[in-house]
């Protein structure tokens, strides 16, 4: 079973996403606390991290750490990609509200890429 860590402090979104991901047979951990991410990465060893744009510092920290830089990061954002003109250290992005079919395809591609 593939593992996904979701870093988001919107608990409604987290609850819905957790239910959906578990139905897709992923093992899922959630946190809204950036300080928990290093411990969760070490103990849980996810194949993918989904990060909300509000928590973008998590993506930056994962990509500069030698032990976690190879783990794909998918950034969820309420901004359009045009509004996000700066380069963020992520492997892909998805705009909210997101299409679940598109989200599923992005997750599958990123997990395959990390294998």
PDB file of N, CA and C in Angstrom:
ATOM      1  N   UNK A   1       0.842  -1.177   0.000  1.00  0.00           N
ATOM      2  CA  UNK A   1       0.000   0.000   0.000  1.00  0.00           C
ATOM      3  C   UNK A   1       0.889   1.244   0.000  1.00  0.00           C
ATOM      4  N   UNK A   2       0.664   2.129  -0.930  1.00  0.00           N
ATOM      5  CA  UNK A   2       1.459   3.354  -1.050  1.00  0.00           C
ATOM      6  C   UNK A   2       1.051   4.351   0.020  1.00  0.00           C
ATOM      7  N   UNK A   3       2.028   5.121   0.483  1.00  0.00           N
ATOM      8  CA  UNK A   3       1.810   6.055   1.586  1.00  0.00           C
ATOM      9  C   UNK A   3       1.879   7.495   1.105  1.00  0.00           C
ATOM     10  N   UNK A   4       0.939   8.303   1.620  1.00  0.00           N
ATOM     11  CA  UNK A   4       0.885   9.723   1.283  1.00  0.00           C
ATOM     12  C   UNK A   4       0.775  10.535   2.565  1.00  0.00           C
ATOM     13  N   UNK A   5       1.593  11.564   2.655  1.00  0.00           N
ATOM     14  CA  UNK A   5       1.504  12.534   3.743  1.00  0.00           C
ATOM     15  C   UNK A   5       0.855  13.785   3.189  1.00  0.00           C
ATOM     16  N   UNK A   6      -0.166  14.298   3.884  1.00  0.00           N
ATOM     17  CA  UNK A   6      -0.822  15.535   3.493  1.00  0.00           C
ATOM     18  C   UNK A   6      -0.574  16.565   4.577  1.00  0.00           C
ATOM     19  N   UNK A   7      -0.029  17.719   4.161  1.00  0.00           N
ATOM     20  CA  UNK A   7       0.254  18.807   5.095  1.00  0.00           C
ATOM     21  C   UNK A   7      -0.687  19.952   4.750  1.00  0.00           C
ATOM     22  N   UNK A   8      -1.671  20.152   5.627  1.00  0.00           N
ATOM     23  CA  UNK A   8      -2.719  21.131   5.363  1.00  0.00           C
ATOM     24  C   UNK A   8      -3.385  21.468   6.687  1.00  0.00           C
ATOM     25  N   UNK A   9      -3.642  22.733   6.951  1.00  0.00           N
ATOM     26  CA  UNK A   9      -4.311  23.080   8.197  1.00  0.00           C
ATOM     27  C   UNK A   9      -5.797  23.361   8.020  1.00  0.00           C
ATOM     28  N   UNK A  10      -6.350  23.007   6.876  1.00  0.00           N
ATOM     29  CA  UNK A  10      -7.791  23.084   6.648  1.00  0.00           C
ATOM     30  C   UNK A  10      -8.360  21.694   6.935  1.00  0.00           C
ATOM     31  N   UNK A  11      -8.912  21.522   8.124  1.00  0.00           N
ATOM     32  CA  UNK A  11      -9.319  20.190   8.562  1.00  0.00           C
ATOM     33  C   UNK A  11     -10.504  19.638   7.771  1.00  0.00           C
ATOM     34  N   UNK A  12     -11.356  20.495   7.218  1.00  0.00           N
ATOM     35  CA  UNK A  12     -12.446  20.005   6.369  1.00  0.00           C
ATOM     36  C   UNK A  12     -11.876  19.368   5.098  1.00  0.00           C
ATOM     37  N   UNK A  13     -10.943  20.068   4.469  1.00  0.00           N
ATOM     38  CA  UNK A  13     -10.299  19.530   3.266  1.00  0.00           C
ATOM     39  C   UNK A  13      -9.564  18.246   3.604  1.00  0.00           C
ATOM     40  N   UNK A  14      -8.852  18.235   4.732  1.00  0.00           N
ATOM     41  CA  UNK A  14      -8.094  17.051   5.118  1.00  0.00           C
ATOM     42  C   UNK A  14      -9.005  15.852   5.319  1.00  0.00           C
ATOM     43  N   UNK A  15     -10.131  16.054   5.964  1.00  0.00           N
ATOM     44  CA  UNK A  15     -11.047  14.954   6.231  1.00  0.00           C
ATOM     45  C   UNK A  15     -11.597  14.363   4.932  1.00  0.00           C
ATOM     46  N   UNK A  16     -12.017  15.224   4.015  1.00  0.00           N
ATOM     47  CA  UNK A  16     -12.534  14.755   2.731  1.00  0.00           C
ATOM     48  C   UNK A  16     -11.451  14.059   1.917  1.00  0.00           C
ATOM     49  N   UNK A  17     -10.272  14.651   1.883  1.00  0.00           N
ATOM     50  CA  UNK A  17      -9.170  14.082   1.121  1.00  0.00           C
ATOM     51  C   UNK A  17      -8.742  12.739   1.708  1.00  0.00           C
ATOM     52  N   UNK A  18      -8.709  12.642   3.020  1.00  0.00           N
ATOM     53  CA  UNK A  18      -8.338  11.388   3.682  1.00  0.00           C
ATOM     54  C   UNK A  18      -9.306  10.268   3.295  1.00  0.00           C
ATOM     55  N   UNK A  19     -10.599  10.542   3.369  1.00  0.00           N
ATOM     56  CA  UNK A  19     -11.597   9.527   3.001  1.00  0.00           C
ATOM     57  C   UNK A  19     -11.424   9.089   1.554  1.00  0.00           C
ATOM     58  N   UNK A  20     -11.245  10.052   0.664  1.00  0.00           N
ATOM     59  CA  UNK A  20     -11.106   9.743  -0.757  1.00  0.00           C
ATOM     60  C   UNK A  20      -9.838   8.938  -1.029  1.00  0.00           C
ATOM     61  N   UNK A  21      -8.717   9.357  -0.446  1.00  0.00           N
ATOM     62  CA  UNK A  21      -7.451   8.658  -0.669  1.00  0.00           C
ATOM     63  C   UNK A  21      -7.491   7.239  -0.111  1.00  0.00           C
ATOM     64  N   UNK A  22      -8.111   7.072   1.051  1.00  0.00           N
ATOM     65  CA  UNK A  22      -8.203   5.729   1.629  1.00  0.00           C
ATOM     66  C   UNK A  22      -9.074   4.820   0.777  1.00  0.00           C
ATOM     67  N   UNK A  23     -10.114   5.360   0.155  1.00  0.00           N
ATOM     68  CA  UNK A  23     -10.930   4.556  -0.766  1.00  0.00           C
ATOM     69  C   UNK A  23     -10.110   4.129  -1.981  1.00  0.00           C
ATOM     70  N   UNK A  24      -9.108   4.916  -2.326  1.00  0.00           N
ATOM     71  CA  UNK A  24      -8.212   4.594  -3.437  1.00  0.00           C
ATOM     72  C   UNK A  24      -7.079   3.689  -2.979  1.00  0.00           C
ATOM     73  N   UNK A  25      -7.159   3.196  -1.769  1.00  0.00           N
ATOM     74  CA  UNK A  25      -6.223   2.250  -1.134  1.00  0.00           C
ATOM     75  C   UNK A  25      -4.846   2.826  -0.810  1.00  0.00           C
ATOM     76  N   UNK A  26      -4.778   4.108  -0.530  1.00  0.00           N
ATOM     77  CA  UNK A  26      -3.535   4.695  -0.039  1.00  0.00           C
ATOM     78  C   UNK A  26      -3.565   4.719   1.481  1.00  0.00           C
ATOM     79  N   UNK A  27      -2.401   4.567   2.086  1.00  0.00           N
ATOM     80  CA  UNK A  27      -2.269   4.797   3.519  1.00  0.00           C
ATOM     81  C   UNK A  27      -1.940   6.272   3.684  1.00  0.00           C
ATOM     82  N   UNK A  28      -2.680   6.966   4.536  1.00  0.00           N
ATOM     83  CA  UNK A  28      -2.594   8.420   4.596  1.00  0.00           C
ATOM     84  C   UNK A  28      -2.315   8.898   6.014  1.00  0.00           C
ATOM     85  N   UNK A  29      -1.409   9.857   6.124  1.00  0.00           N
ATOM     86  CA  UNK A  29      -1.169  10.590   7.379  1.00  0.00           C
ATOM     87  C   UNK A  29      -1.391  12.060   7.074  1.00  0.00           C
ATOM     88  N   UNK A  30      -1.959  12.760   8.036  1.00  0.00           N
ATOM     89  CA  UNK A  30      -2.207  14.187   7.896  1.00  0.00           C
ATOM     90  C   UNK A  30      -1.590  14.940   9.049  1.00  0.00           C
ATOM     91  N   UNK A  31      -1.176  16.150   8.752  1.00  0.00           N
ATOM     92  CA  UNK A  31      -0.759  17.069   9.808  1.00  0.00           C
ATOM     93  C   UNK A  31      -0.994  18.499   9.338  1.00  0.00           C
ATOM     94  N   UNK A  32      -1.318  19.338  10.282  1.00  0.00           N
ATOM     95  CA  UNK A  32      -1.413  20.764  10.019  1.00  0.00           C
ATOM     96  C   UNK A  32      -0.240  21.489  10.637  1.00  0.00           C
ATOM     97  N   UNK A  33       0.641  20.724  11.281  1.00  0.00           N
ATOM     98  CA  UNK A  33       1.769  21.277  12.017  1.00  0.00           C
ATOM     99  C   UNK A  33       3.076  20.998  11.275  1.00  0.00           C
ATOM    100  N   UNK A  34       3.675  22.043  10.742  1.00  0.00           N
ATOM    101  CA  UNK A  34       4.928  21.903   9.984  1.00  0.00           C
ATOM    102  C   UNK A  34       6.035  21.254  10.799  1.00  0.00           C
ATOM    103  N   UNK A  35       6.043  21.488  12.089  1.00  0.00           N
ATOM    104  CA  UNK A  35       7.116  20.957  12.940  1.00  0.00           C
ATOM    105  C   UNK A  35       7.069  19.436  13.058  1.00  0.00           C
ATOM    106  N   UNK A  36       5.911  18.828  12.771  1.00  0.00           N
ATOM    107  CA  UNK A  36       5.785  17.370  12.841  1.00  0.00           C
ATOM    108  C   UNK A  36       6.302  16.671  11.582  1.00  0.00           C
ATOM    109  N   UNK A  37       6.462  17.410  10.511  1.00  0.00           N
ATOM    110  CA  UNK A  37       6.791  16.803   9.215  1.00  0.00           C
ATOM    111  C   UNK A  37       8.091  15.994   9.243  1.00  0.00           C
ATOM    112  N   UNK A  38       9.206  16.504   9.796  1.00  0.00           N
ATOM    113  CA  UNK A  38      10.428  15.677   9.785  1.00  0.00           C
ATOM    114  C   UNK A  38      10.250  14.330  10.490  1.00  0.00           C
ATOM    115  N   UNK A  39       9.572  14.329  11.631  1.00  0.00           N
ATOM    116  CA  UNK A  39       9.344  13.079  12.355  1.00  0.00           C
ATOM    117  C   UNK A  39       8.467  12.135  11.536  1.00  0.00           C
ATOM    118  N   UNK A  40       7.383  12.670  10.946  1.00  0.00           N
ATOM    119  CA  UNK A  40       6.483  11.836  10.145  1.00  0.00           C
ATOM    120  C   UNK A  40       7.210  11.283   8.919  1.00  0.00           C
ATOM    121  N   UNK A  41       8.027  12.096   8.281  1.00  0.00           N
ATOM    122  CA  UNK A  41       8.786  11.631   7.118  1.00  0.00           C
ATOM    123  C   UNK A  41       9.678  10.453   7.499  1.00  0.00           C
ATOM    124  N   UNK A  42      10.323  10.554   8.639  1.00  0.00           N
ATOM    125  CA  UNK A  42      11.243   9.502   9.080  1.00  0.00           C
ATOM    126  C   UNK A  42      10.481   8.226   9.459  1.00  0.00           C
ATOM    127  N   UNK A  43       9.409   8.365  10.238  1.00  0.00           N
ATOM    128  CA  UNK A  43       8.679   7.200  10.739  1.00  0.00           C
ATOM    129  C   UNK A  43       7.744   6.582   9.700  1.00  0.00           C
ATOM    130  N   UNK A  44       7.088   7.404   8.900  1.00  0.00           N
ATOM    131  CA  UNK A  44       6.050   6.944   7.969  1.00  0.00           C
ATOM    132  C   UNK A  44       6.607   6.643   6.581  1.00  0.00           C
ATOM    133  N   UNK A  45       7.647   7.355   6.167  1.00  0.00           N
ATOM    134  CA  UNK A  45       8.306   7.181   4.869  1.00  0.00           C
ATOM    135  C   UNK A  45       7.322   7.189   3.691  1.00  0.00           C
ATOM    136  N   UNK A  46       6.645   8.318   3.469  1.00  0.00           N
ATOM    137  CA  UNK A  46       5.673   8.382   2.374  1.00  0.00           C
ATOM    138  C   UNK A  46       6.333   8.389   1.001  1.00  0.00           C
ATOM    139  N   UNK A  47       5.570   7.921   0.004  1.00  0.00           N
ATOM    140  CA  UNK A  47       6.022   7.976  -1.389  1.00  0.00           C
ATOM    141  C   UNK A  47       5.653   9.305  -2.046  1.00  0.00           C
ATOM    142  N   UNK A  48       4.777  10.075  -1.384  1.00  0.00           N
ATOM    143  CA  UNK A  48       4.326  11.360  -1.905  1.00  0.00           C
ATOM    144  C   UNK A  48       3.913  12.255  -0.748  1.00  0.00           C
ATOM    145  N   UNK A  49       4.191  13.557  -0.904  1.00  0.00           N
ATOM    146  CA  UNK A  49       3.723  14.551   0.067  1.00  0.00           C
ATOM    147  C   UNK A  49       2.856  15.549  -0.693  1.00  0.00           C
ATOM    148  N   UNK A  50       1.641  15.761  -0.179  1.00  0.00           N
ATOM    149  CA  UNK A  50       0.743  16.767  -0.730  1.00  0.00           C
ATOM    150  C   UNK A  50       0.729  17.925   0.256  1.00  0.00           C
ATOM    151  N   UNK A  51       1.069  19.106  -0.236  1.00  0.00           N
ATOM    152  CA  UNK A  51       1.233  20.273   0.631  1.00  0.00           C
ATOM    153  C   UNK A  51       0.308  21.390   0.155  1.00  0.00           C
ATOM    154  N   UNK A  52      -0.390  22.019   1.100  1.00  0.00           N
ATOM    155  CA  UNK A  52      -1.175  23.198   0.770  1.00  0.00           C
ATOM    156  C   UNK A  52      -0.234  24.382   0.607  1.00  0.00           C
ATOM    157  N   UNK A  53      -0.591  25.310  -0.258  1.00  0.00           N
ATOM    158  CA  UNK A  53       0.266  26.466  -0.539  1.00  0.00           C
ATOM    159  C   UNK A  53       0.578  27.269   0.724  1.00  0.00           C
ATOM    160  N   UNK A  54      -0.326  27.266   1.692  1.00  0.00           N
ATOM    161  CA  UNK A  54      -0.089  27.971   2.953  1.00  0.00           C
ATOM    162  C   UNK A  54       1.098  27.350   3.696  1.00  0.00           C
ATOM    163  N   UNK A  55       1.342  26.086   3.460  1.00  0.00           N
ATOM    164  CA  UNK A  55       2.433  25.351   4.109  1.00  0.00           C
ATOM    165  C   UNK A  55       3.625  25.163   3.167  1.00  0.00           C
ATOM    166  N   UNK A  56       3.805  26.064   2.209  1.00  0.00           N
ATOM    167  CA  UNK A  56       4.830  25.875   1.166  1.00  0.00           C
ATOM    168  C   UNK A  56       6.245  25.764   1.720  1.00  0.00           C
ATOM    169  N   UNK A  57       6.471  26.263   2.934  1.00  0.00           N
ATOM    170  CA  UNK A  57       7.796  26.122   3.544  1.00  0.00           C
ATOM    171  C   UNK A  57       8.160  24.658   3.741  1.00  0.00           C
ATOM    172  N   UNK A  58       7.138  23.823   3.928  1.00  0.00           N
ATOM    173  CA  UNK A  58       7.376  22.385   4.066  1.00  0.00           C
ATOM    174  C   UNK A  58       8.014  21.851   2.788  1.00  0.00           C
ATOM    175  N   UNK A  59       7.475  22.237   1.645  1.00  0.00           N
ATOM    176  CA  UNK A  59       8.041  21.793   0.363  1.00  0.00           C
ATOM    177  C   UNK A  59       9.488  22.237   0.237  1.00  0.00           C
ATOM    178  N   UNK A  60       9.743  23.470   0.613  1.00  0.00           N
ATOM    179  CA  UNK A  60      11.115  23.988   0.534  1.00  0.00           C
ATOM    180  C   UNK A  60      12.056  23.179   1.411  1.00  0.00           C
ATOM    181  N   UNK A  61      11.633  22.867   2.629  1.00  0.00           N
ATOM    182  CA  UNK A  61      12.479  22.101   3.542  1.00  0.00           C
ATOM    183  C   UNK A  61      12.702  20.664   3.049  1.00  0.00           C
ATOM    184  N   UNK A  62      11.660  20.061   2.503  1.00  0.00           N
ATOM    185  CA  UNK A  62      11.805  18.691   1.989  1.00  0.00           C
ATOM    186  C   UNK A  62      12.793  18.635   0.835  1.00  0.00           C
ATOM    187  N   UNK A  63      12.771  19.627  -0.026  1.00  0.00           N
ATOM    188  CA  UNK A  63      13.615  19.612  -1.216  1.00  0.00           C
ATOM    189  C   UNK A  63      15.069  19.995  -0.936  1.00  0.00           C
ATOM    190  N   UNK A  64      15.352  20.635   0.190  1.00  0.00           N
ATOM    191  CA  UNK A  64      16.753  20.936   0.501  1.00  0.00           C
ATOM    192  C   UNK A  64      17.397  19.867   1.382  1.00  0.00           C
ATOM    193  N   UNK A  65      16.591  18.978   1.944  1.00  0.00           N
ATOM    194  CA  UNK A  65      17.099  17.921   2.801  1.00  0.00           C
ATOM    195  C   UNK A  65      17.511  16.724   1.934  1.00  0.00           C
ATOM    196  N   UNK A  66      18.749  16.272   2.079  1.00  0.00           N
ATOM    197  CA  UNK A  66      19.259  15.145   1.278  1.00  0.00           C
ATOM    198  C   UNK A  66      18.405  13.886   1.428  1.00  0.00           C
ATOM    199  N   UNK A  67      17.870  13.663   2.622  1.00  0.00           N
ATOM    200  CA  UNK A  67      17.111  12.440   2.884  1.00  0.00           C
ATOM    201  C   UNK A  67      15.702  12.471   2.299  1.00  0.00           C
ATOM    202  N   UNK A  68      15.173  13.650   2.013  1.00  0.00           N
ATOM    203  CA  UNK A  68      13.783  13.730   1.553  1.00  0.00           C
ATOM    204  C   UNK A  68      13.617  14.377   0.179  1.00  0.00           C
ATOM    205  N   UNK A  69      14.677  14.877  -0.399  1.00  0.00           N
ATOM    206  CA  UNK A  69      14.535  15.620  -1.663  1.00  0.00           C
ATOM    207  C   UNK A  69      14.001  14.790  -2.819  1.00  0.00           C
ATOM    208  N   UNK A  70      14.147  13.473  -2.754  1.00  0.00           N
ATOM    209  CA  UNK A  70      13.653  12.633  -3.853  1.00  0.00           C
ATOM    210  C   UNK A  70      12.161  12.304  -3.725  1.00  0.00           C
ATOM    211  N   UNK A  71      11.552  12.613  -2.598  1.00  0.00           N
ATOM    212  CA  UNK A  71      10.125  12.352  -2.413  1.00  0.00           C
ATOM    213  C   UNK A  71       9.342  13.421  -3.177  1.00  0.00           C
ATOM    214  N   UNK A  72       8.467  13.018  -4.095  1.00  0.00           N
ATOM    215  CA  UNK A  72       7.700  14.007  -4.861  1.00  0.00           C
ATOM    216  C   UNK A  72       6.778  14.832  -3.956  1.00  0.00           C
ATOM    217  N   UNK A  73       6.631  16.106  -4.322  1.00  0.00           N
ATOM    218  CA  UNK A  73       5.758  17.023  -3.592  1.00  0.00           C
ATOM    219  C   UNK A  73       4.735  17.581  -4.583  1.00  0.00           C
ATOM    220  N   UNK A  74       3.463  17.441  -4.214  1.00  0.00           N
ATOM    221  CA  UNK A  74       2.353  17.995  -4.990  1.00  0.00           C
ATOM    222  C   UNK A  74       1.784  19.156  -4.194  1.00  0.00           C
ATOM    223  N   UNK A  75       1.776  20.336  -4.783  1.00  0.00           N
ATOM    224  CA  UNK A  75       1.291  21.547  -4.111  1.00  0.00           C
ATOM    225  C   UNK A  75      -0.158  21.808  -4.493  1.00  0.00           C
ATOM    226  N   UNK A  76      -1.026  21.929  -3.481  1.00  0.00           N
ATOM    227  CA  UNK A  76      -2.423  22.316  -3.701  1.00  0.00           C
ATOM    228  C   UNK A  76      -2.521  23.818  -3.479  1.00  0.00           C
ATOM    229  N   UNK A  77      -3.165  24.510  -4.405  1.00  0.00           N
ATOM    230  CA  UNK A  77      -3.263  25.955  -4.272  1.00  0.00           C
ATOM    231  C   UNK A  77      -4.622  26.476  -4.719  1.00  0.00           C
ATOM    232  N   UNK A  78      -5.084  27.498  -4.039  1.00  0.00           N
ATOM    233  CA  UNK A  78      -6.300  28.196  -4.437  1.00  0.00           C
ATOM    234  C   UNK A  78      -5.997  29.305  -5.422  1.00  0.00           C
ATOM    235  N   UNK A  79      -4.716  29.572  -5.626  1.00  0.00           N
ATOM    236  CA  UNK A  79      -4.292  30.581  -6.602  1.00  0.00           C
ATOM    237  C   UNK A  79      -4.224  29.943  -7.977  1.00  0.00           C
ATOM    238  N   UNK A  80      -4.382  30.742  -9.000  1.00  0.00           N
ATOM    239  CA  UNK A  80      -4.146  30.205 -10.328  1.00  0.00           C
ATOM    240  C   UNK A  80      -2.633  30.085 -10.503  1.00  0.00           C
ATOM    241  N   UNK A  81      -2.237  29.228 -11.383  1.00  0.00           N
ATOM    242  CA  UNK A  81      -0.802  29.040 -11.591  1.00  0.00           C
ATOM    243  C   UNK A  81      -0.155  30.303 -12.127  1.00  0.00           C
ATOM    244  N   UNK A  82      -0.904  31.130 -12.828  1.00  0.00           N
ATOM    245  CA  UNK A  82      -0.363  32.404 -13.306  1.00  0.00           C
ATOM    246  C   UNK A  82      -0.060  33.343 -12.150  1.00  0.00           C
ATOM    247  N   UNK A  83      -0.898  33.302 -11.100  1.00  0.00           N
ATOM    248  CA  UNK A  83      -0.665  34.155  -9.936  1.00  0.00           C
ATOM    249  C   UNK A  83       0.580  33.726  -9.167  1.00  0.00           C
ATOM    250  N   UNK A  84       0.950  32.476  -9.298  1.00  0.00           N
ATOM    251  CA  UNK A  84       2.120  31.945  -8.594  1.00  0.00           C
ATOM    252  C   UNK A  84       3.325  32.016  -9.524  1.00  0.00           C
ATOM    253  N   UNK A  85       3.775  33.207  -9.805  1.00  0.00           N
ATOM    254  CA  UNK A  85       4.839  33.370 -10.793  1.00  0.00           C
ATOM    255  C   UNK A  85       6.222  33.021 -10.248  1.00  0.00           C
ATOM    256  N   UNK A  86       6.326  32.795  -8.954  1.00  0.00           N
ATOM    257  CA  UNK A  86       7.633  32.397  -8.414  1.00  0.00           C
ATOM    258  C   UNK A  86       7.806  30.885  -8.531  1.00  0.00           C
ATOM    259  N   UNK A  87       9.027  30.468  -8.592  1.00  0.00           N
ATOM    260  CA  UNK A  87       9.339  29.051  -8.708  1.00  0.00           C
ATOM    261  C   UNK A  87       9.335  28.419  -7.326  1.00  0.00           C
ATOM    262  N   UNK A  88       8.451  27.473  -7.120  1.00  0.00           N
ATOM    263  CA  UNK A  88       8.419  26.732  -5.866  1.00  0.00           C
ATOM    264  C   UNK A  88       9.054  25.366  -6.099  1.00  0.00           C
ATOM    265  N   UNK A  89       9.729  24.838  -5.094  1.00  0.00           N
ATOM    266  CA  UNK A  89      10.396  23.541  -5.248  1.00  0.00           C
ATOM    267  C   UNK A  89       9.417  22.376  -5.116  1.00  0.00           C
ATOM    268  N   UNK A  90       8.538  22.234  -6.098  1.00  0.00           N
ATOM    269  CA  UNK A  90       7.565  21.151  -6.076  1.00  0.00           C
ATOM    270  C   UNK A  90       7.632  20.392  -7.396  1.00  0.00           C
ATOM    271  N   UNK A  91       7.104  19.179  -7.371  1.00  0.00           N
ATOM    272  CA  UNK A  91       7.125  18.349  -8.568  1.00  0.00           C
ATOM    273  C   UNK A  91       5.896  18.563  -9.449  1.00  0.00           C
ATOM    274  N   UNK A  92       4.816  19.050  -8.837  1.00  0.00           N
ATOM    275  CA  UNK A  92       3.608  19.342  -9.602  1.00  0.00           C
ATOM    276  C   UNK A  92       2.693  20.196  -8.730  1.00  0.00           C
ATOM    277  N   UNK A  93       1.683  20.796  -9.363  1.00  0.00           N
ATOM    278  CA  UNK A  93       0.706  21.608  -8.646  1.00  0.00           C
ATOM    279  C   UNK A  93      -0.695  21.225  -9.110  1.00  0.00           C
ATOM    280  N   UNK A  94      -1.653  21.506  -8.250  1.00  0.00           N
ATOM    281  CA  UNK A  94      -3.054  21.348  -8.618  1.00  0.00           C
ATOM    282  C   UNK A  94      -3.825  22.493  -7.988  1.00  0.00           C
ATOM    283  N   UNK A  95      -4.677  23.114  -8.802  1.00  0.00           N
ATOM    284  CA  UNK A  95      -5.468  24.244  -8.333  1.00  0.00           C
ATOM    285  C   UNK A  95      -6.731  23.761  -7.640  1.00  0.00           C
ATOM    286  N   UNK A  96      -7.091  24.456  -6.543  1.00  0.00           N
ATOM    287  CA  UNK A  96      -8.347  24.185  -5.834  1.00  0.00           C
ATOM    288  C   UNK A  96      -9.411  25.135  -6.360  1.00  0.00           C
ATOM    289  N   UNK A  97     -10.652  24.723  -6.430  1.00  0.00           N
ATOM    290  CA  UNK A  97     -11.106  23.354  -6.172  1.00  0.00           C
ATOM    291  C   UNK A  97     -10.610  22.430  -7.277  1.00  0.00           C
ATOM    292  N   UNK A  98     -10.161  21.251  -6.885  1.00  0.00           N
ATOM    293  CA  UNK A  98      -9.549  20.373  -7.867  1.00  0.00           C
ATOM    294  C   UNK A  98     -10.496  19.280  -8.326  1.00  0.00           C
ATOM    295  N   UNK A  99     -10.243  18.847  -9.534  1.00  0.00           N
ATOM    296  CA  UNK A  99     -10.952  17.744 -10.147  1.00  0.00           C
ATOM    297  C   UNK A  99     -10.323  16.459  -9.601  1.00  0.00           C
ATOM    298  N   UNK A 100     -11.144  15.596  -9.001  1.00  0.00           N
ATOM    299  CA  UNK A 100     -10.605  14.381  -8.385  1.00  0.00           C
ATOM    300  C   UNK A 100      -9.949  13.447  -9.396  1.00  0.00           C
ATOM    301  N   UNK A 101     -10.463  13.397 -10.597  1.00  0.00           N
ATOM    302  CA  UNK A 101      -9.850  12.558 -11.638  1.00  0.00           C
ATOM    303  C   UNK A 101      -8.439  13.068 -11.955  1.00  0.00           C
ATOM    304  N   UNK A 102      -8.302  14.370 -12.092  1.00  0.00           N
ATOM    305  CA  UNK A 102      -6.989  14.965 -12.362  1.00  0.00           C
ATOM    306  C   UNK A 102      -6.054  14.753 -11.176  1.00  0.00           C
ATOM    307  N   UNK A 103      -6.560  14.924  -9.969  1.00  0.00           N
ATOM    308  CA  UNK A 103      -5.742  14.702  -8.769  1.00  0.00           C
ATOM    309  C   UNK A 103      -5.242  13.259  -8.734  1.00  0.00           C
ATOM    310  N   UNK A 104      -6.121  12.326  -9.019  1.00  0.00           N
ATOM    311  CA  UNK A 104      -5.730  10.916  -9.017  1.00  0.00           C
ATOM    312  C   UNK A 104      -4.620  10.645 -10.037  1.00  0.00           C
ATOM    313  N   UNK A 105      -4.745  11.204 -11.221  1.00  0.00           N
ATOM    314  CA  UNK A 105      -3.723  11.008 -12.263  1.00  0.00           C
ATOM    315  C   UNK A 105      -2.383  11.594 -11.828  1.00  0.00           C
ATOM    316  N   UNK A 106      -2.408  12.772 -11.224  1.00  0.00           N
ATOM    317  CA  UNK A 106      -1.163  13.407 -10.765  1.00  0.00           C
ATOM    318  C   UNK A 106      -0.516  12.573  -9.663  1.00  0.00           C
ATOM    319  N   UNK A 107      -1.321  12.087  -8.722  1.00  0.00           N
ATOM    320  CA  UNK A 107      -0.795  11.258  -7.638  1.00  0.00           C
ATOM    321  C   UNK A 107      -0.159   9.990  -8.199  1.00  0.00           C
ATOM    322  N   UNK A 108      -0.864   9.306  -9.086  1.00  0.00           N
ATOM    323  CA  UNK A 108      -0.331   8.068  -9.678  1.00  0.00           C
ATOM    324  C   UNK A 108       0.982   8.319 -10.405  1.00  0.00           C
ATOM    325  N   UNK A 109       1.038   9.399 -11.189  1.00  0.00           N
ATOM    326  CA  UNK A 109       2.252   9.710 -11.948  1.00  0.00           C
ATOM    327  C   UNK A 109       3.419  10.014 -11.018  1.00  0.00           C
ATOM    328  N   UNK A 110       3.186  10.797  -9.974  1.00  0.00           N
ATOM    329  CA  UNK A 110       4.268  11.165  -9.068  1.00  0.00           C
ATOM    330  C   UNK A 110       4.767   9.969  -8.263  1.00  0.00           C
ATOM    331  N   UNK A 111       3.864   9.116  -7.854  1.00  0.00           N
ATOM    332  CA  UNK A 111       4.293   7.918  -7.105  1.00  0.00           C
ATOM    333  C   UNK A 111       5.073   6.964  -8.018  1.00  0.00           C
ATOM    334  N   UNK A 112       4.619   6.803  -9.254  1.00  0.00           N
ATOM    335  CA  UNK A 112       5.373   5.967 -10.220  1.00  0.00           C
ATOM    336  C   UNK A 112       6.764   6.539 -10.439  1.00  0.00           C
ATOM    337  N   UNK A 113       6.840   7.864 -10.546  1.00  0.00           N
ATOM    338  CA  UNK A 113       8.114   8.540 -10.783  1.00  0.00           C
ATOM    339  C   UNK A 113       9.099   8.304  -9.625  1.00  0.00           C
ATOM    340  N   UNK A 114       8.570   8.204  -8.413  1.00  0.00           N
ATOM    341  CA  UNK A 114       9.447   8.062  -7.252  1.00  0.00           C
ATOM    342  C   UNK A 114       9.896   6.618  -7.027  1.00  0.00           C
ATOM    343  N   UNK A 115       9.240   5.678  -7.683  1.00  0.00           N
ATOM    344  CA  UNK A 115       9.559   4.251  -7.456  1.00  0.00           C
ATOM    345  C   UNK A 115      10.893   3.861  -8.042  1.00  0.00           C
TER     346      UNK A 115
END
